[in-house]
Amino acid sequence: MRRHEFQPGRLLAGLVLLTAGVLYLLDATGEADLPWFLVVPMAMGGLCLAALVGMVTYAVRRDRRDRINESSER
């Protein structure tokens, strides 16, 4: 299998959605009594945070790539 870049935004999004799914599963089995208006904002906030992390990661990688290209052109 080929190696690929680590993408922390996608990891965070997956963990947030997995957590929301587990919380809904616990609620459905009767193990926890969670109102929907707590889980939905948590999932949306986590996805927004994942998007922010993804944008920062992209900006850092683009800046590094530009610096490497500038130094190799000299």
N, C-alpha and C. Protein backbone atom coordinates (compact mmCIF):
# COMPACT_ATOMS: atom_id res chain seq x y z
N MET A 1 0.84 -1.17 0.00
CA MET A 1 0.00 0.00 0.00
C MET A 1 0.89 1.24 0.00
N ARG A 2 0.52 2.21 -0.82
CA ARG A 2 1.30 3.44 -0.88
C ARG A 2 1.08 4.29 0.37
N ARG A 3 2.11 4.99 0.74
CA ARG A 3 1.99 5.90 1.88
C ARG A 3 1.29 7.17 1.44
N HIS A 4 0.58 7.78 2.34
CA HIS A 4 -0.13 9.02 2.03
C HIS A 4 0.11 10.02 3.14
N GLU A 5 -0.24 11.26 2.87
CA GLU A 5 -0.06 12.32 3.86
C GLU A 5 -1.04 12.14 5.01
N PHE A 6 -0.58 12.47 6.19
CA PHE A 6 -1.44 12.47 7.37
C PHE A 6 -2.37 13.68 7.27
N GLN A 7 -3.66 13.46 7.44
CA GLN A 7 -4.64 14.53 7.35
C GLN A 7 -5.40 14.62 8.67
N PRO A 8 -4.95 15.50 9.56
CA PRO A 8 -5.56 15.57 10.89
C PRO A 8 -7.01 16.03 10.88
N GLY A 9 -7.42 16.83 9.90
CA GLY A 9 -8.81 17.27 9.83
C GLY A 9 -9.76 16.11 9.60
N ARG A 10 -9.38 15.20 8.72
CA ARG A 10 -10.21 14.03 8.46
C ARG A 10 -10.25 13.09 9.66
N LEU A 11 -9.13 12.97 10.35
CA LEU A 11 -9.09 12.15 11.56
C LEU A 11 -10.03 12.72 12.61
N LEU A 12 -9.98 14.02 12.81
CA LEU A 12 -10.84 14.66 13.80
C LEU A 12 -12.31 14.53 13.43
N ALA A 13 -12.64 14.72 12.15
CA ALA A 13 -14.03 14.56 11.71
C ALA A 13 -14.52 13.13 11.97
N GLY A 14 -13.70 12.15 11.67
CA GLY A 14 -14.08 10.77 11.91
C GLY A 14 -14.29 10.47 13.38
N LEU A 15 -13.42 10.99 14.22
CA LEU A 15 -13.57 10.75 15.66
C LEU A 15 -14.82 11.42 16.21
N VAL A 16 -15.12 12.62 15.74
CA VAL A 16 -16.32 13.32 16.20
C VAL A 16 -17.58 12.57 15.79
N LEU A 17 -17.64 12.14 14.53
CA LEU A 17 -18.83 11.42 14.08
C LEU A 17 -18.95 10.05 14.74
N LEU A 18 -17.82 9.41 15.01
CA LEU A 18 -17.84 8.13 15.72
C LEU A 18 -18.38 8.33 17.14
N THR A 19 -17.94 9.39 17.80
CA THR A 19 -18.42 9.69 19.15
C THR A 19 -19.92 9.97 19.15
N ALA A 20 -20.38 10.75 18.17
CA ALA A 20 -21.82 11.04 18.08
C ALA A 20 -22.60 9.75 17.85
N GLY A 21 -22.09 8.87 17.00
CA GLY A 21 -22.76 7.60 16.76
C GLY A 21 -22.82 6.73 18.00
N VAL A 22 -21.73 6.69 18.75
CA VAL A 22 -21.71 5.90 19.99
C VAL A 22 -22.70 6.47 21.00
N LEU A 23 -22.77 7.80 21.08
CA LEU A 23 -23.72 8.41 22.02
C LEU A 23 -25.17 8.09 21.62
N TYR A 24 -25.46 8.13 20.33
CA TYR A 24 -26.80 7.76 19.89
C TYR A 24 -27.08 6.29 20.14
N LEU A 25 -26.09 5.44 19.96
CA LEU A 25 -26.26 4.02 20.23
C LEU A 25 -26.53 3.78 21.71
N LEU A 26 -25.79 4.46 22.57
CA LEU A 26 -26.03 4.34 24.01
C LEU A 26 -27.43 4.82 24.38
N ASP A 27 -27.88 5.88 23.73
CA ASP A 27 -29.22 6.39 23.99
C ASP A 27 -30.28 5.40 23.50
N ALA A 28 -30.05 4.78 22.35
CA ALA A 28 -31.03 3.84 21.80
C ALA A 28 -31.13 2.58 22.64
N THR A 29 -30.05 2.14 23.25
CA THR A 29 -30.09 0.93 24.08
C THR A 29 -30.56 1.21 25.50
N GLY A 30 -30.71 2.47 25.85
CA GLY A 30 -31.18 2.83 27.18
C GLY A 30 -30.08 2.99 28.20
N GLU A 31 -28.83 2.92 27.78
CA GLU A 31 -27.70 3.07 28.71
C GLU A 31 -27.50 4.52 29.13
N ALA A 32 -27.89 5.44 28.28
CA ALA A 32 -27.75 6.87 28.57
C ALA A 32 -29.00 7.58 28.10
N ASP A 33 -29.32 8.68 28.73
CA ASP A 33 -30.48 9.48 28.32
C ASP A 33 -29.97 10.84 27.87
N LEU A 34 -29.67 10.93 26.56
CA LEU A 34 -29.11 12.16 26.01
C LEU A 34 -30.14 12.85 25.12
N PRO A 35 -30.41 14.12 25.39
CA PRO A 35 -31.30 14.85 24.48
C PRO A 35 -30.60 15.14 23.15
N TRP A 36 -31.35 15.14 22.07
CA TRP A 36 -30.77 15.32 20.74
C TRP A 36 -30.08 16.67 20.61
N PHE A 37 -30.57 17.68 21.34
CA PHE A 37 -30.00 19.01 21.19
C PHE A 37 -28.64 19.16 21.86
N LEU A 38 -28.12 18.11 22.46
CA LEU A 38 -26.74 18.13 22.94
C LEU A 38 -25.79 17.45 21.96
N VAL A 39 -26.26 16.40 21.31
CA VAL A 39 -25.39 15.64 20.41
C VAL A 39 -25.22 16.36 19.06
N VAL A 40 -26.29 16.93 18.55
CA VAL A 40 -26.22 17.59 17.24
C VAL A 40 -25.26 18.79 17.26
N PRO A 41 -25.34 19.70 18.23
CA PRO A 41 -24.35 20.79 18.25
C PRO A 41 -22.91 20.31 18.47
N MET A 42 -22.75 19.22 19.25
CA MET A 42 -21.41 18.68 19.44
C MET A 42 -20.85 18.19 18.11
N ALA A 43 -21.68 17.50 17.33
CA ALA A 43 -21.23 17.00 16.03
C ALA A 43 -20.94 18.16 15.08
N MET A 44 -21.79 19.15 15.05
CA MET A 44 -21.57 20.30 14.16
C MET A 44 -20.33 21.09 14.57
N GLY A 45 -20.15 21.29 15.85
CA GLY A 45 -18.96 21.99 16.34
C GLY A 45 -17.69 21.22 16.02
N GLY A 46 -17.76 19.90 16.17
CA GLY A 46 -16.60 19.07 15.84
C GLY A 46 -16.26 19.11 14.37
N LEU A 47 -17.29 19.11 13.52
CA LEU A 47 -17.04 19.19 12.08
C LEU A 47 -16.47 20.55 11.69
N CYS A 48 -16.94 21.61 12.34
CA CYS A 48 -16.37 22.95 12.07
C CYS A 48 -14.91 23.00 12.52
N LEU A 49 -14.62 22.41 13.67
CA LEU A 49 -13.24 22.36 14.14
C LEU A 49 -12.37 21.54 13.19
N ALA A 50 -12.90 20.44 12.69
CA ALA A 50 -12.16 19.62 11.73
C ALA A 50 -11.88 20.39 10.44
N ALA A 51 -12.84 21.20 9.99
CA ALA A 51 -12.63 22.02 8.80
C ALA A 51 -11.54 23.05 9.05
N LEU A 52 -11.54 23.66 10.22
CA LEU A 52 -10.51 24.64 10.57
C LEU A 52 -9.13 23.98 10.61
N VAL A 53 -9.04 22.81 11.21
CA VAL A 53 -7.77 22.09 11.27
C VAL A 53 -7.30 21.73 9.86
N GLY A 54 -8.22 21.31 9.01
CA GLY A 54 -7.87 20.99 7.64
C GLY A 54 -7.34 22.19 6.87
N MET A 55 -7.97 23.36 7.06
CA MET A 55 -7.50 24.57 6.38
C MET A 55 -6.13 25.01 6.88
N VAL A 56 -5.90 24.89 8.19
CA VAL A 56 -4.59 25.25 8.74
C VAL A 56 -3.52 24.29 8.22
N THR A 57 -3.83 23.01 8.19
CA THR A 57 -2.89 22.02 7.67
C THR A 57 -2.54 22.31 6.22
N TYR A 58 -3.54 22.63 5.41
CA TYR A 58 -3.30 22.96 4.00
C TYR A 58 -2.42 24.20 3.87
N ALA A 59 -2.69 25.22 4.69
CA ALA A 59 -1.91 26.45 4.61
C ALA A 59 -0.45 26.21 4.99
N VAL A 60 -0.23 25.41 6.01
CA VAL A 60 1.14 25.13 6.45
C VAL A 60 1.89 24.34 5.38
N ARG A 61 1.23 23.34 4.81
CA ARG A 61 1.89 22.54 3.77
C ARG A 61 2.16 23.37 2.51
N ARG A 62 1.25 24.26 2.15
CA ARG A 62 1.45 25.11 0.98
C ARG A 62 2.62 26.06 1.21
N ASP A 63 2.70 26.61 2.43
CA ASP A 63 3.80 27.51 2.75
C ASP A 63 5.14 26.79 2.70
N ARG A 64 5.19 25.58 3.25
CA ARG A 64 6.43 24.80 3.19
C ARG A 64 6.82 24.48 1.75
N ARG A 65 5.85 24.09 0.93
CA ARG A 65 6.12 23.77 -0.46
C ARG A 65 6.63 25.00 -1.21
N ASP A 66 6.04 26.16 -0.95
CA ASP A 66 6.49 27.39 -1.61
C ASP A 66 7.90 27.77 -1.19
N ARG A 67 8.22 27.58 0.09
CA ARG A 67 9.58 27.89 0.56
C ARG A 67 10.61 26.96 -0.08
N ILE A 68 10.26 25.69 -0.21
CA ILE A 68 11.18 24.73 -0.83
C ILE A 68 11.38 25.09 -2.31
N ASN A 69 10.30 25.44 -2.99
CA ASN A 69 10.40 25.81 -4.41
C ASN A 69 11.22 27.08 -4.60
N GLU A 70 11.08 28.04 -3.70
CA GLU A 70 11.86 29.28 -3.80
C GLU A 70 13.34 29.02 -3.60
N SER A 71 13.68 28.16 -2.64
CA SER A 71 15.09 27.89 -2.37
C SER A 71 15.72 27.05 -3.49
N SER A 72 14.94 26.21 -4.15
CA SER A 72 15.50 25.39 -5.21
C SER A 72 15.68 26.19 -6.51
N GLU A 73 14.96 27.30 -6.68
CA GLU A 73 15.06 28.12 -7.87
C GLU A 73 16.32 28.99 -7.85
N ARG A 74 16.87 29.20 -6.69
CA ARG A 74 18.05 30.08 -6.56
C ARG A 74 19.30 29.41 -6.99
